[in-house]
C-alpha atoms as a PDB file:
ATOM      1  CA  MET A   1     -23.036  -0.443  -2.750  1.00  0.00           C
ATOM      2  CA  ASP A   2     -25.058   1.638  -0.266  1.00  0.00           C
ATOM      3  CA  THR A   3     -22.931   4.365   1.411  1.00  0.00           C
ATOM      4  CA  GLY A   4     -26.256   5.823   3.209  1.00  0.00           C
ATOM      5  CA  PHE A   5     -25.808   4.639   6.242  1.00  0.00           C
ATOM      6  CA  ILE A   6     -22.206   5.916   6.608  1.00  0.00           C
ATOM      7  CA  GLN A   7     -21.846   9.085   7.307  1.00  0.00           C
ATOM      8  CA  ASN A   8     -24.424   8.232  10.149  1.00  0.00           C
ATOM      9  CA  CYS A   9     -21.609   5.339  11.453  1.00  0.00           C
ATOM     10  CA  VAL A  10     -19.548   8.647  11.655  1.00  0.00           C
ATOM     11  CA  TYR A  11     -20.866  11.080  13.286  1.00  0.00           C
ATOM     12  CA  ASP A  12     -22.773   8.591  15.339  1.00  0.00           C
ATOM     13  CA  GLU A  13     -22.375  11.147  19.056  1.00  0.00           C
ATOM     14  CA  LYS A  14     -21.888   7.422  20.963  1.00  0.00           C
ATOM     15  CA  GLY A  15     -19.531   4.630  18.907  1.00  0.00           C
ATOM     16  CA  GLY A  16     -18.408   7.528  15.833  1.00  0.00           C
ATOM     17  CA  PHE A  17     -14.845   7.936  14.658  1.00  0.00           C
ATOM     18  CA  ALA A  18     -14.236  10.583  17.032  1.00  0.00           C
ATOM     19  CA  LYS A  19     -14.651   8.316  20.277  1.00  0.00           C
ATOM     20  CA  THR A  20     -13.525   5.757  18.676  1.00  0.00           C
ATOM     21  CA  TYR A  21     -10.114   7.117  17.298  1.00  0.00           C
ATOM     22  CA  ARG A  22     -10.624  10.353  19.894  1.00  0.00           C
ATOM     23  CA  ASN A  23      -6.342  10.378  18.912  1.00  0.00           C
ATOM     24  CA  ALA A  24      -7.703  11.670  15.382  1.00  0.00           C
ATOM     25  CA  ALA A  25     -10.920  13.623  16.365  1.00  0.00           C
ATOM     26  CA  PRO A  26      -9.466  16.726  15.576  1.00  0.00           C
ATOM     27  CA  PHE A  27      -9.449  15.257  12.032  1.00  0.00           C
ATOM     28  CA  VAL A  28     -13.602  15.296  12.360  1.00  0.00           C
ATOM     29  CA  SER A  29     -14.770  18.595   9.840  1.00  0.00           C
ATOM     30  CA  SER A  30     -11.035  20.098  10.251  1.00  0.00           C
ATOM     31  CA  GLY A  31     -11.336  21.461   6.713  1.00  0.00           C
ATOM     32  CA  GLY A  32     -10.642  20.800   2.981  1.00  0.00           C
ATOM     33  CA  LEU A  33      -9.019  16.792   3.066  1.00  0.00           C
ATOM     34  CA  TRP A  34     -11.593  15.618   6.225  1.00  0.00           C
ATOM     35  CA  ASP A  35     -14.366  17.217   3.844  1.00  0.00           C
ATOM     36  CA  TYR A  36     -13.052  15.453   0.904  1.00  0.00           C
ATOM     37  CA  CYS A  37     -12.442  11.988   2.367  1.00  0.00           C
ATOM     38  CA  MET A  38     -16.326  12.304   4.022  1.00  0.00           C
ATOM     39  CA  SER A  39     -17.360  12.674   0.149  1.00  0.00           C
ATOM     40  CA  VAL A  40     -15.498  10.022  -0.793  1.00  0.00           C
ATOM     41  CA  VAL A  41     -16.651   7.655   1.676  1.00  0.00           C
ATOM     42  CA  THR A  42     -20.863   8.257   1.159  1.00  0.00           C
ATOM     43  CA  ASP A  43     -20.212   8.214  -2.768  1.00  0.00           C
ATOM     44  CA  GLU A  44     -21.389   4.553  -4.004  1.00  0.00           C
ATOM     45  CA  ARG A  45     -18.988   4.894  -6.854  1.00  0.00           C
ATOM     46  CA  HIS A  46     -15.766   5.537  -4.978  1.00  0.00           C
ATOM     47  CA  MET A  47     -16.871   3.890  -2.079  1.00  0.00           C
ATOM     48  CA  THR A  48     -17.718   0.514  -4.453  1.00  0.00           C
ATOM     49  CA  CYS A  49     -13.993   0.826  -6.372  1.00  0.00           C
ATOM     50  CA  ILE A  50     -12.366   1.307  -2.664  1.00  0.00           C
ATOM     51  CA  ALA A  51     -14.082  -1.897  -1.160  1.00  0.00           C
ATOM     52  CA  PHE A  52     -12.762  -4.234  -4.884  1.00  0.00           C
ATOM     53  CA  ALA A  53      -9.480  -3.005  -4.026  1.00  0.00           C
ATOM     54  CA  ASN A  54      -9.422  -4.083  -0.624  1.00  0.00           C
ATOM     55  CA  GLU A  55     -10.745  -7.447  -1.649  1.00  0.00           C
ATOM     56  CA  MET A  56      -7.670  -7.539  -3.962  1.00  0.00           C
ATOM     57  CA  GLY A  57      -5.172  -6.161  -1.286  1.00  0.00           C
ATOM     58  CA  ILE A  58      -5.173  -2.954  -2.121  1.00  0.00           C
ATOM     59  CA  PRO A  59      -5.108  -1.191   1.001  1.00  0.00           C
ATOM     60  CA  PRO A  60      -8.243   1.675   1.234  1.00  0.00           C
ATOM     61  CA  VAL A  61      -6.300   4.100   1.919  1.00  0.00           C
ATOM     62  CA  LYS A  62      -3.902   3.561  -0.920  1.00  0.00           C
ATOM     63  CA  SER A  63      -7.612   3.829  -3.246  1.00  0.00           C
ATOM     64  CA  LEU A  64      -8.633   6.777  -1.212  1.00  0.00           C
ATOM     65  CA  LEU A  65      -4.911   8.463  -2.215  1.00  0.00           C
ATOM     66  CA  TYR A  66      -5.818   7.359  -5.927  1.00  0.00           C
ATOM     67  CA  PHE A  67      -8.305   9.742  -6.244  1.00  0.00           C
ATOM     68  CA  TYR A  68      -7.266  12.039  -4.097  1.00  0.00           C
ATOM     69  CA  GLU A  69      -4.113  12.775  -7.124  1.00  0.00           C
ATOM     70  CA  LYS A  70      -6.709  12.275  -9.845  1.00  0.00           C
ATOM     71  CA  GLU A  71      -9.071  14.856  -8.216  1.00  0.00           C
ATOM     72  CA  LYS A  72      -6.882  17.295  -6.139  1.00  0.00           C
ATOM     73  CA  ARG A  73      -3.830  16.898  -8.358  1.00  0.00           C
ATOM     74  CA  PRO A  74      -1.188  17.906  -5.569  1.00  0.00           C
ATOM     75  CA  ALA A  75       2.495  18.893  -6.773  1.00  0.00           C
ATOM     76  CA  ASP A  76       4.552  16.511  -7.242  1.00  0.00           C
ATOM     77  CA  ASP A  77       6.589  17.091  -4.098  1.00  0.00           C
ATOM     78  CA  PHE A  78       3.479  16.761  -1.859  1.00  0.00           C
ATOM     79  CA  LYS A  79       3.911  14.763   1.047  1.00  0.00           C
ATOM     80  CA  PHE A  80       1.121  14.090   4.673  1.00  0.00           C
ATOM     81  CA  ASP A  81       3.074  14.853   7.473  1.00  0.00           C
ATOM     82  CA  ALA A  82       2.692  12.122  10.199  1.00  0.00           C
ATOM     83  CA  GLN A  83      -0.553  13.017  11.904  1.00  0.00           C
ATOM     84  CA  THR A  84      -2.637  13.339   8.723  1.00  0.00           C
ATOM     85  CA  SER A  85      -0.898  10.254   7.776  1.00  0.00           C
ATOM     86  CA  GLN A  86      -2.196   8.846  11.221  1.00  0.00           C
ATOM     87  CA  TRP A  87      -5.408  10.609  10.719  1.00  0.00           C
ATOM     88  CA  LEU A  88      -5.867   8.946   7.110  1.00  0.00           C
ATOM     89  CA  GLY A  89      -5.306   5.158   8.474  1.00  0.00           C
ATOM     90  CA  ALA A  90      -7.751   5.398  11.389  1.00  0.00           C
ATOM     91  CA  PHE A  91     -10.563   7.134   9.186  1.00  0.00           C
ATOM     92  CA  MET A  92     -10.137   3.971   6.254  1.00  0.00           C
ATOM     93  CA  GLY A  93      -9.880   1.805   9.585  1.00  0.00           C
ATOM     94  CA  PHE A  94     -12.996   3.514  11.259  1.00  0.00           C
ATOM     95  CA  ILE A  95     -15.472   2.665   7.853  1.00  0.00           C
ATOM     96  CA  PHE A  96     -14.039  -0.834   6.661  1.00  0.00           C
ATOM     97  CA  LYS A  97     -14.533  -2.187  10.510  1.00  0.00           C
ATOM     98  CA  PHE A  98     -17.081   0.129  12.673  1.00  0.00           C
ATOM     99  CA  CYS A  99     -19.056   0.734   9.424  1.00  0.00           C
ATOM    100  CA  LEU A 100     -18.670  -1.766   6.825  1.00  0.00           C
ATOM    101  CA  HIS A 101     -18.035  -4.862  10.285  1.00  0.00           C
ATOM    102  CA  TYR A 102     -15.172  -6.027   8.899  1.00  0.00           C
ATOM    103  CA  GLN A 103     -13.625  -8.829  11.139  1.00  0.00           C
ATOM    104  CA  ASN A 104     -10.256  -8.793  10.781  1.00  0.00           C
ATOM    105  CA  GLN A 105      -6.841  -6.708   8.912  1.00  0.00           C
ATOM    106  CA  LYS A 106      -3.491  -7.972   7.750  1.00  0.00           C
ATOM    107  CA  GLU A 107      -1.262  -4.255   8.663  1.00  0.00           C
ATOM    108  CA  ARG A 108       2.763  -2.997   6.902  1.00  0.00           C
ATOM    109  CA  ILE A 109       1.149  -2.970   3.078  1.00  0.00           C
ATOM    110  CA  GLN A 110       3.507  -0.564   1.381  1.00  0.00           C
ATOM    111  CA  VAL A 111       1.714   2.726  -0.086  1.00  0.00           C
ATOM    112  CA  ASN A 112       5.014   5.159  -0.663  1.00  0.00           C
ATOM    113  CA  LYS A 113       2.658   7.295  -2.172  1.00  0.00           C
ATOM    114  CA  TYR A 114       2.177  11.222  -1.009  1.00  0.00           C
ATOM    115  CA  GLY A 115       4.599  10.820   2.647  1.00  0.00           C
ATOM    116  CA  ILE A 116       2.815   7.244   3.186  1.00  0.00           C
ATOM    117  CA  LYS A 117       4.506   4.199   3.298  1.00  0.00           C
ATOM    118  CA  THR A 118       2.051   1.710   4.372  1.00  0.00           C
ATOM    119  CA  ALA A 119      -1.228   1.510   5.308  1.00  0.00           C
ATOM    120  CA  THR A 120      -3.741  -1.865   6.258  1.00  0.00           C
ATOM    121  CA  ILE A 121      -6.064  -4.169   4.266  1.00  0.00           C
ATOM    122  CA  PHE A 122      -9.599  -4.927   5.562  1.00  0.00           C
ATOM    123  CA  LEU A 123     -10.553  -9.644   6.106  1.00  0.00           C
ATOM    124  CA  GLU A 124     -13.095 -11.202   6.063  1.00  0.00           C
ATOM    125  CA  SER A 125     -15.975  -9.032   5.298  1.00  0.00           C
ATOM    126  CA  PRO A 126     -19.614 -10.676   6.826  1.00  0.00           C
ATOM    127  CA  ALA A 127     -21.454 -12.499   5.109  1.00  0.00           C
ATOM    128  CA  ASP A 128     -24.211 -10.469   3.986  1.00  0.00           C
ATOM    129  CA  PHE A 129     -21.590  -7.763   2.555  1.00  0.00           C
ATOM    130  CA  LYS A 130     -22.235  -7.121  -1.010  1.00  0.00           C
ATOM    131  CA  ILE A 131     -19.753  -4.498  -3.380  1.00  0.00           C
ATOM    132  CA  ILE A 132     -22.367  -4.187  -5.905  1.00  0.00           C
END
């Protein structure tokens, strides 16, 4: 999966993440978690796994949390606050809806990890979308 375009999509001045999800704009360039999320979505291996898992019914946020757990090793009692949880959902929603152009979604899929209870899966990828 080519991910070279994702960074431009996220930072686009007219329709990027901060313009599309104004409530989540403070997340942009906010520090370590933002940097981590951007490194994941611009990495072909990570995004191939996340997109494939989404096709299998696993929300992208849950896949992101899996990588976060393996790579960052947070404390056993670690939890994201409600605002950060919303920002993560908005971020992955933006990636799948506005960068990868999925057409539909199914909300409230159980996650129950790091304080995040539910997340969304994305449906109806474009006809020319290829995971590998």
